[in-house]
Amino acid sequence: MASGGMRRRALALAGNLSPAAQARLNVALRALVAGPGGYGLASLGGMALGLWLPLSRADRAMAGTLSGLLLWPVVFIAAFGVSSLRRLMLGVGACMGACALMVLVAGWRP
């Protein structure tokens, strides 16, 4: 008779992913959040900075563009450094929402 500590979980149940497939899915979802999500956050952050800086129009546009180019790699690196995928998606979504709110408050109209 096996004790409770000796029982093993079944590796292949209907509807469950294998551990290797789950790891691949996790990496693919992180790459999707890092790529398009990082681009969206970088563009919204650059727009927000470009609208809120007290500089000339050309200097604001240049500063916003350069800050967006610096923000995208930070988001990409953070996408693979955050412990959970849910925390990553909530963080990127919250930052995008804050930047979008800043852009709309500054007076940008689509």
Protein backbone atom coordinates (compact mmCIF):
# COMPACT_ATOMS: atom_id res chain seq x y z
CA MET A 1 0.00 0.00 0.00
CA ALA A 2 1.43 3.34 -1.04
CA SER A 3 1.46 6.27 1.33
CA GLY A 4 0.02 9.66 0.41
CA GLY A 5 3.46 11.03 -0.42
CA MET A 6 4.13 8.29 -2.96
CA ARG A 7 1.19 9.06 -5.24
CA ARG A 8 2.08 10.65 -8.53
CA ARG A 9 0.04 12.99 -10.59
CA ALA A 10 -0.95 11.67 -13.99
CA LEU A 11 1.12 13.34 -16.70
CA ALA A 12 -1.37 13.11 -19.53
CA LEU A 13 -4.98 13.81 -18.67
CA ALA A 14 -7.59 14.95 -21.14
CA GLY A 15 -7.54 18.75 -21.35
CA ASN A 16 -4.20 19.21 -19.54
CA LEU A 17 -1.06 20.39 -21.26
CA SER A 18 2.21 18.59 -20.74
CA PRO A 19 4.79 20.56 -18.74
CA ALA A 20 6.86 21.21 -21.87
CA ALA A 21 3.85 22.48 -23.81
CA GLN A 22 2.84 24.67 -20.90
CA ALA A 23 6.33 26.19 -20.75
CA ARG A 24 6.26 26.87 -24.50
CA LEU A 25 2.84 28.50 -24.19
CA ASN A 26 4.09 30.65 -21.32
CA VAL A 27 7.07 31.87 -23.37
CA ALA A 28 4.88 32.52 -26.42
CA LEU A 29 2.37 34.55 -24.40
CA ARG A 30 5.16 36.55 -22.75
CA ALA A 31 6.61 37.29 -26.20
CA LEU A 32 3.19 38.45 -27.40
CA VAL A 33 2.82 40.76 -24.40
CA ALA A 34 6.39 42.01 -24.80
CA GLY A 35 6.21 42.66 -28.54
CA PRO A 36 2.89 44.33 -29.37
CA GLY A 37 2.17 45.28 -25.76
CA GLY A 38 5.59 46.87 -25.37
CA TYR A 39 5.14 48.72 -28.65
CA GLY A 40 1.75 50.05 -27.54
CA LEU A 41 3.10 51.13 -24.17
CA ALA A 42 6.14 52.76 -25.77
CA SER A 43 4.03 54.69 -28.27
CA LEU A 44 1.50 55.81 -25.64
CA GLY A 45 4.30 56.77 -23.23
CA GLY A 46 6.06 58.73 -25.95
CA MET A 47 2.84 60.52 -26.86
CA ALA A 48 2.14 61.35 -23.22
CA LEU A 49 5.62 62.72 -22.70
CA GLY A 50 5.45 64.62 -25.98
CA LEU A 51 2.22 66.30 -24.96
CA TRP A 52 3.18 67.12 -21.36
CA LEU A 53 6.73 68.47 -21.73
CA PRO A 54 7.06 72.29 -21.65
CA LEU A 55 9.27 72.49 -24.76
CA SER A 56 8.81 73.50 -28.36
CA ARG A 57 6.73 71.19 -30.54
CA ALA A 58 9.72 69.68 -32.36
CA ASP A 59 11.64 69.08 -29.13
CA ARG A 60 8.62 67.46 -27.50
CA ALA A 61 8.16 65.13 -30.46
CA MET A 62 11.84 64.18 -30.43
CA ALA A 63 11.85 63.58 -26.66
CA GLY A 64 8.69 61.48 -26.88
CA THR A 65 10.08 59.37 -29.70
CA LEU A 66 13.39 58.78 -27.94
CA SER A 67 11.70 57.91 -24.65
CA GLY A 68 9.49 55.41 -26.47
CA LEU A 69 12.58 53.80 -27.98
CA LEU A 70 14.01 53.46 -24.48
CA LEU A 71 10.78 52.18 -22.93
CA TRP A 72 10.19 49.29 -25.33
CA PRO A 73 13.32 47.28 -24.38
CA VAL A 74 12.53 47.84 -20.70
CA VAL A 75 9.08 46.31 -21.20
CA PHE A 76 10.56 43.46 -23.22
CA ILE A 77 13.11 42.64 -20.51
CA ALA A 78 10.51 42.95 -17.77
CA ALA A 79 8.20 40.57 -19.65
CA PHE A 80 10.63 37.73 -19.07
CA GLY A 81 11.65 38.85 -15.58
CA VAL A 82 8.22 39.09 -13.95
CA SER A 83 7.27 35.99 -12.00
CA SER A 84 3.71 35.48 -13.28
CA LEU A 85 2.04 36.10 -16.60
CA ARG A 86 -1.03 37.58 -14.92
CA ARG A 87 1.09 40.16 -13.07
CA LEU A 88 2.84 41.04 -16.34
CA MET A 89 -0.41 41.56 -18.23
CA LEU A 90 -1.94 43.61 -15.42
CA GLY A 91 1.19 45.76 -15.16
CA VAL A 92 1.45 46.46 -18.88
CA GLY A 93 -2.30 47.09 -19.10
CA ALA A 94 -2.27 49.46 -16.13
CA CYS A 95 0.67 51.42 -17.55
CA MET A 96 -1.02 51.62 -20.95
CA GLY A 97 -4.22 52.84 -19.31
CA ALA A 98 -2.35 55.50 -17.32
CA CYS A 99 -0.51 56.72 -20.41
CA ALA A 100 -3.74 56.76 -22.46
CA LEU A 101 -5.43 58.77 -19.72
CA MET A 102 -2.54 61.24 -19.68
CA VAL A 103 -2.75 61.60 -23.46
CA LEU A 104 -6.51 62.21 -23.39
CA VAL A 105 -6.26 64.71 -20.51
CA ALA A 106 -3.54 66.62 -22.38
CA GLY A 107 -5.99 67.27 -25.17
CA TRP A 108 -5.13 64.77 -27.90
CA ARG A 109 -8.14 63.88 -29.97
CA PRO A 110 -8.11 60.87 -32.35
